[in-house]
Amino acid sequence: MSVTVRAPAKINLHLGVGAKREDGYHPLDTVYLAVSLYDDVTVSTSAVWSVDVSPIGDVDVSGVPLDDSNIVVKAGRLLTAHHGIERAAAIGISKGIPVAGGMAGGSADAAATLVALDRLWDLQTSDDDLLAIAAQLGSDVPFSLLGGTAHGTGRGELVEQVPDAGTWWWVVVPNDEGLSTSAVYRAFDALPTPAAVGSGAVLAALAGGDLDALADALHNDLEAPALELRPALRETADDLVGSGVRARLLSGSGPTYLGLVADQDSAHHIREALLDQGYERVVVATGPVAGVHLVDYA
């Protein structure tokens, strides 16, 4: 028997980062949006933990670990420890979310693994317990369980879903070379702490379904340090603006760049223009979409 669970990518419409706390984490004020790029995670009971990863399309999965360091194995072990059971699973990941792209692909896989194993073994873990386990795995994992649109605080793991009256379309431009989240945060720490910009404007734009207001309010404190590490990304940012997007946004810690557009037709038109310009991979995504959910192939 096997169970497959689908998990969406996330973007941060607002990412405000504070100075590092004593525990080593940074306080965040962020607004998450789940978008329609997905990983599928399939689990089946096995004598030992194992991980297999395959790409969807031309996603580069060469950097994904296949040993116990993969976050999906950590997720499985935390779940079994929570229930006091000794079990293991074979975990297969079909990856459509860019790797190390600032779109929380690993976090999505961890969340999907929790839900898939819970269903496979009929553990009936409560929602509160799943969120608590998710928070131990990483700041983005609880949101991957919830999906939709949410406000994140703490180090990002405290999430509350928020009103969102819009359907938002994005042109997504991944980069061939991933960026380490920890390296971007180190670069952030080396720069002067930016003046705090609150998430209120983004939350108001979402609640009102106001595209112009959202375009004006998009914000990411990690853009400057990411560009310090990868100056060539400025060209992608400029090309997006030149293509006619309503606003550009670095996704999380990068290096994926996003362009906010008015509708699906505009997104596909701009995608084609960027491909003609020489970009090898440009995709279209929309949100908000649901969080992790069971896939029924019957």
Protein backbone atom coordinates (compact mmCIF):
# COMPACT_ATOMS: atom_id res chain seq x y z
CA MET A 1 0.00 0.00 0.00
CA SER A 2 1.19 3.51 -0.75
CA VAL A 3 -0.15 7.01 -0.18
CA THR A 4 0.59 10.10 -2.29
CA VAL A 5 0.25 13.65 -1.00
CA ARG A 6 0.68 16.82 -3.06
CA ALA A 7 2.30 19.94 -1.60
CA PRO A 8 2.46 23.46 -3.10
CA ALA A 9 5.33 25.92 -3.29
CA LYS A 10 5.14 29.11 -1.26
CA ILE A 11 6.12 32.69 -1.87
CA ASN A 12 6.50 35.49 0.66
CA LEU A 13 4.50 38.52 -0.41
CA HIS A 14 6.04 40.34 2.53
CA LEU A 15 9.22 39.25 4.29
CA GLY A 16 10.34 41.50 7.11
CA VAL A 17 13.41 40.23 8.94
CA GLY A 18 14.61 41.44 12.33
CA ALA A 19 18.05 41.20 13.95
CA LYS A 20 19.17 37.72 14.99
CA ARG A 21 17.80 36.57 18.34
CA GLU A 22 19.85 34.93 21.09
CA ASP A 23 18.65 31.51 19.90
CA GLY A 24 20.15 32.14 16.46
CA TYR A 25 16.85 32.67 14.65
CA HIS A 26 15.60 35.89 13.11
CA PRO A 27 12.16 37.23 14.02
CA LEU A 28 9.96 37.38 10.94
CA ASP A 29 6.89 39.30 9.89
CA THR A 30 5.85 37.54 6.72
CA VAL A 31 2.84 36.92 4.51
CA TYR A 32 2.78 33.52 2.85
CA LEU A 33 0.98 32.60 -0.37
CA ALA A 34 0.72 29.00 -1.61
CA VAL A 35 1.06 28.80 -5.40
CA SER A 36 0.44 26.18 -8.07
CA LEU A 37 3.88 24.60 -8.36
CA TYR A 38 3.85 21.20 -6.70
CA ASP A 39 5.84 18.28 -5.35
CA ASP A 40 4.18 14.87 -4.99
CA VAL A 41 5.39 12.70 -2.11
CA THR A 42 4.58 8.96 -2.15
CA VAL A 43 5.23 6.80 0.91
CA SER A 44 5.10 3.06 1.51
CA THR A 45 6.11 0.99 4.52
CA SER A 46 9.66 -0.35 4.33
CA ALA A 47 12.19 -2.06 6.59
CA VAL A 48 14.45 1.00 6.39
CA TRP A 49 14.13 4.68 5.57
CA SER A 50 14.94 5.54 1.97
CA VAL A 51 14.51 8.53 -0.34
CA ASP A 52 14.13 8.64 -4.11
CA VAL A 53 13.71 11.87 -6.08
CA SER A 54 12.62 12.37 -9.68
CA PRO A 55 12.10 15.64 -11.56
CA ILE A 56 8.87 16.94 -13.02
CA GLY A 57 9.86 18.55 -16.30
CA ASP A 58 13.34 20.04 -16.24
CA VAL A 59 13.69 20.69 -12.50
CA ASP A 60 17.28 20.02 -11.42
CA VAL A 61 17.17 17.54 -8.53
CA SER A 62 20.91 16.78 -8.41
CA GLY A 63 21.31 18.73 -5.17
CA VAL A 64 18.60 16.88 -3.23
CA PRO A 65 20.08 14.53 -0.59
CA LEU A 66 19.02 10.89 -0.77
CA ASP A 67 20.22 9.90 2.70
CA ASP A 68 19.02 10.48 6.25
CA SER A 69 19.88 14.18 6.01
CA ASN A 70 16.83 14.76 3.81
CA ILE A 71 14.15 16.61 5.76
CA VAL A 72 11.53 14.02 4.78
CA VAL A 73 13.33 11.34 6.82
CA LYS A 74 13.56 13.75 9.74
CA ALA A 75 9.81 14.33 9.39
CA GLY A 76 9.08 10.61 9.42
CA ARG A 77 11.24 9.99 12.47
CA LEU A 78 9.67 12.85 14.40
CA LEU A 79 6.21 11.47 13.61
CA THR A 80 7.09 7.94 14.73
CA ALA A 81 8.75 9.29 17.88
CA HIS A 82 5.63 11.31 18.66
CA HIS A 83 3.53 8.13 18.55
CA GLY A 84 6.16 5.92 20.21
CA ILE A 85 6.33 3.47 17.32
CA GLU A 86 9.19 1.84 15.40
CA ARG A 87 8.45 2.04 11.68
CA ALA A 88 10.18 3.16 8.50
CA ALA A 89 9.13 4.06 4.98
CA ALA A 90 10.30 4.40 1.42
CA ILE A 91 9.68 8.00 0.37
CA GLY A 92 9.49 8.98 -3.28
CA ILE A 93 9.44 12.64 -4.28
CA SER A 94 8.32 13.88 -7.69
CA LYS A 95 9.69 17.42 -7.67
CA GLY A 96 8.15 20.31 -9.57
CA ILE A 97 9.25 23.03 -7.11
CA PRO A 98 12.69 24.53 -7.85
CA VAL A 99 15.42 23.19 -5.55
CA ALA A 100 17.03 25.81 -3.28
CA GLY A 101 14.90 28.39 -5.05
CA GLY A 102 13.36 30.19 -2.08
CA MET A 103 9.97 28.50 -2.62
CA ALA A 104 10.11 26.08 0.34
CA GLY A 105 10.29 22.87 -1.69
CA GLY A 106 11.97 20.96 1.14
CA SER A 107 9.46 22.27 3.65
CA ALA A 108 6.62 21.26 1.34
CA ASP A 109 8.05 17.75 1.09
CA ALA A 110 8.33 17.50 4.89
CA ALA A 111 4.73 18.59 5.37
CA ALA A 112 3.54 16.15 2.71
CA THR A 113 5.50 13.34 4.36
CA LEU A 114 3.83 13.98 7.72
CA VAL A 115 0.37 13.82 6.19
CA ALA A 116 1.16 10.83 3.94
CA LEU A 117 2.63 8.71 6.74
CA ASP A 118 -0.20 9.66 9.08
CA ARG A 119 -2.66 8.37 6.50
CA LEU A 120 -0.57 5.30 5.53
CA TRP A 121 -0.32 4.10 9.12
CA ASP A 122 -3.73 5.43 10.28
CA LEU A 123 -2.11 7.34 13.14
CA GLN A 124 -4.89 9.94 13.36
CA THR A 125 -2.49 12.67 14.51
CA SER A 126 -4.38 15.80 15.51
CA ASP A 127 -3.98 18.97 13.47
CA ASP A 128 -2.40 20.72 16.44
CA ASP A 129 0.15 17.95 16.87
CA LEU A 130 1.00 17.93 13.16
CA LEU A 131 1.60 21.69 13.30
CA ALA A 132 3.79 21.28 16.40
CA ILE A 133 5.88 18.57 14.71
CA ALA A 134 6.09 20.71 11.57
CA ALA A 135 7.43 23.65 13.57
CA GLN A 136 10.30 21.47 14.80
CA LEU A 137 11.30 20.77 11.20
CA GLY A 138 11.54 24.33 9.91
CA SER A 139 9.99 27.76 9.81
CA ASP A 140 8.05 27.19 6.56
CA VAL A 141 6.74 23.68 7.27
CA PRO A 142 3.63 24.66 9.27
CA PHE A 143 2.48 26.95 6.45
CA SER A 144 2.99 24.14 3.93
CA LEU A 145 0.42 22.15 5.91
CA LEU A 146 -2.09 25.02 5.84
CA GLY A 147 -1.64 26.54 2.38
CA GLY A 148 -3.82 29.39 1.16
CA THR A 149 -2.70 32.79 2.43
CA ALA A 150 -1.34 33.30 5.94
CA HIS A 151 0.48 35.73 8.22
CA GLY A 152 3.63 34.28 9.78
CA THR A 153 5.36 35.52 12.93
CA GLY A 154 7.93 34.17 15.39
CA ARG A 155 10.58 32.69 13.09
CA GLY A 156 7.79 32.15 10.56
CA GLU A 157 6.36 29.02 12.19
CA LEU A 158 3.44 30.78 13.91
CA VAL A 159 0.87 31.01 11.13
CA GLU A 160 -2.64 32.36 10.94
CA GLN A 161 -4.71 32.28 7.77
CA VAL A 162 -5.83 35.71 6.57
CA PRO A 163 -8.55 37.03 4.24
CA ASP A 164 -7.59 37.03 0.56
CA ALA A 165 -10.15 38.21 -1.99
CA GLY A 166 -7.86 37.87 -5.00
CA THR A 167 -6.59 35.30 -7.46
CA TRP A 168 -2.99 36.29 -8.13
CA TRP A 169 -0.99 35.37 -11.23
CA TRP A 170 2.80 35.12 -11.30
CA VAL A 171 5.55 34.65 -13.83
CA VAL A 172 8.20 32.52 -12.12
CA VAL A 173 11.84 32.64 -13.25
CA PRO A 174 13.99 29.99 -11.49
CA ASN A 175 17.78 30.14 -11.56
CA ASP A 176 20.10 27.31 -12.56
CA GLU A 177 22.14 27.68 -9.38
CA GLY A 178 20.37 27.57 -6.02
CA LEU A 179 21.05 29.90 -3.11
CA SER A 180 21.65 28.66 0.42
CA THR A 181 19.12 30.14 2.84
CA SER A 182 21.71 30.15 5.63
CA ALA A 183 24.21 31.97 3.41
CA VAL A 184 21.65 34.65 2.58
CA TYR A 185 20.87 35.14 6.27
CA ARG A 186 24.60 35.45 7.03
CA ALA A 187 24.84 38.11 4.35
CA PHE A 188 21.80 39.83 5.87
CA ASP A 189 23.53 39.87 9.27
CA ALA A 190 26.60 41.50 7.71
CA LEU A 191 24.53 44.40 6.36
CA PRO A 192 22.96 47.19 8.42
CA THR A 193 19.59 46.01 9.75
CA PRO A 194 16.98 47.58 7.46
CA ALA A 195 14.26 49.85 8.79
CA ALA A 196 11.22 47.78 9.71
CA VAL A 197 8.46 47.67 7.10
CA GLY A 198 5.26 46.16 8.40
CA SER A 199 3.04 43.68 6.57
CA GLY A 200 -0.12 45.77 6.99
CA ALA A 201 -0.16 47.13 3.45
CA VAL A 202 0.09 43.65 1.92
CA LEU A 203 -2.60 42.26 4.21
CA ALA A 204 -4.95 45.14 3.32
CA ALA A 205 -4.33 44.68 -0.41
CA LEU A 206 -5.09 40.96 -0.16
CA ALA A 207 -8.26 41.51 1.84
CA GLY A 208 -9.48 44.00 -0.75
CA GLY A 209 -8.35 42.00 -3.78
CA ASP A 210 -6.51 45.13 -4.96
CA LEU A 211 -3.85 44.30 -7.57
CA ASP A 212 -2.38 47.81 -7.73
CA ALA A 213 -2.09 48.04 -3.96
CA LEU A 214 -0.47 44.61 -3.77
CA ALA A 215 2.03 45.53 -6.48
CA ASP A 216 3.03 48.61 -4.49
CA ALA A 217 3.28 46.73 -1.19
CA LEU A 218 5.40 43.67 -2.10
CA HIS A 219 8.54 43.65 0.07
CA ASN A 220 11.47 41.35 0.86
CA ASP A 221 14.27 42.23 3.30
CA LEU A 222 16.35 39.34 1.94
CA GLU A 223 16.57 40.77 -1.58
CA ALA A 224 19.54 43.01 -0.80
CA PRO A 225 21.71 40.26 0.75
CA ALA A 226 20.73 37.80 -2.00
CA LEU A 227 21.86 40.31 -4.62
CA GLU A 228 25.10 40.83 -2.68
CA LEU A 229 25.77 37.11 -3.07
CA ARG A 230 24.49 36.83 -6.64
CA PRO A 231 24.75 40.23 -8.41
CA ALA A 232 23.79 38.67 -11.74
CA LEU A 233 20.24 38.29 -10.44
CA ARG A 234 19.78 42.03 -10.97
CA GLU A 235 19.54 41.30 -14.69
CA THR A 236 16.63 38.92 -14.10
CA ALA A 237 14.91 41.52 -11.93
CA ASP A 238 15.39 44.19 -14.61
CA ASP A 239 14.21 41.87 -17.38
CA LEU A 240 11.03 41.11 -15.48
CA VAL A 241 10.29 44.80 -15.03
CA GLY A 242 11.06 45.41 -18.70
CA SER A 243 8.70 42.60 -19.73
CA GLY A 244 5.73 44.48 -18.32
CA VAL A 245 5.02 42.79 -14.98
CA ARG A 246 3.13 44.87 -12.44
CA ALA A 247 5.85 44.29 -9.82
CA ARG A 248 8.87 42.06 -9.29
CA LEU A 249 9.65 40.09 -6.15
CA LEU A 250 12.49 37.85 -5.01
CA SER A 251 11.00 34.62 -3.69
CA GLY A 252 12.09 34.11 -0.07
CA SER A 253 15.88 33.86 0.10
CA GLY A 254 16.10 33.50 -3.68
CA PRO A 255 17.29 32.99 -6.30
CA THR A 256 13.86 32.56 -7.95
CA TYR A 257 12.34 35.83 -9.15
CA LEU A 258 8.62 36.44 -9.53
CA GLY A 259 6.61 38.89 -11.57
CA LEU A 260 3.09 39.85 -10.49
CA VAL A 261 0.73 40.22 -13.45
CA ALA A 262 -2.91 41.06 -13.97
CA ASP A 263 -4.25 37.76 -15.30
CA GLN A 264 -3.45 34.39 -16.85
CA ASP A 265 -3.21 35.69 -20.42
CA SER A 266 -0.71 38.35 -19.38
CA ALA A 267 1.33 35.74 -17.53
CA HIS A 268 1.61 33.47 -20.56
CA HIS A 269 2.40 36.39 -22.88
CA ILE A 270 5.25 37.55 -20.63
CA ARG A 271 6.48 33.99 -20.20
CA GLU A 272 6.80 33.60 -23.97
CA ALA A 273 8.61 36.94 -24.23
CA LEU A 274 11.16 35.91 -21.59
CA LEU A 275 11.72 32.55 -23.27
CA ASP A 276 12.35 34.37 -26.55
CA GLN A 277 14.80 36.56 -24.67
CA GLY A 278 16.89 33.50 -23.81
CA TYR A 279 15.60 32.31 -20.43
CA GLU A 280 15.54 28.52 -20.41
CA ARG A 281 12.85 28.00 -17.80
CA VAL A 282 9.93 30.30 -17.07
CA VAL A 283 6.68 29.01 -15.58
CA VAL A 284 3.29 30.45 -14.70
CA ALA A 285 1.72 29.97 -11.28
CA THR A 286 -1.37 31.18 -9.49
CA GLY A 287 -2.47 31.39 -5.88
CA PRO A 288 -3.76 31.02 -3.33
CA VAL A 289 -4.06 27.24 -3.56
CA ALA A 290 -4.71 24.57 -0.94
CA GLY A 291 -1.98 23.23 1.33
CA VAL A 292 -0.88 19.59 1.38
CA HIS A 293 -3.61 17.22 0.25
CA LEU A 294 -4.12 13.58 -0.62
CA VAL A 295 -3.87 12.61 -4.28
CA ASP A 296 -6.33 9.94 -5.39
CA TYR A 297 -5.31 8.23 -8.62
CA ALA A 298 -8.33 5.91 -8.66
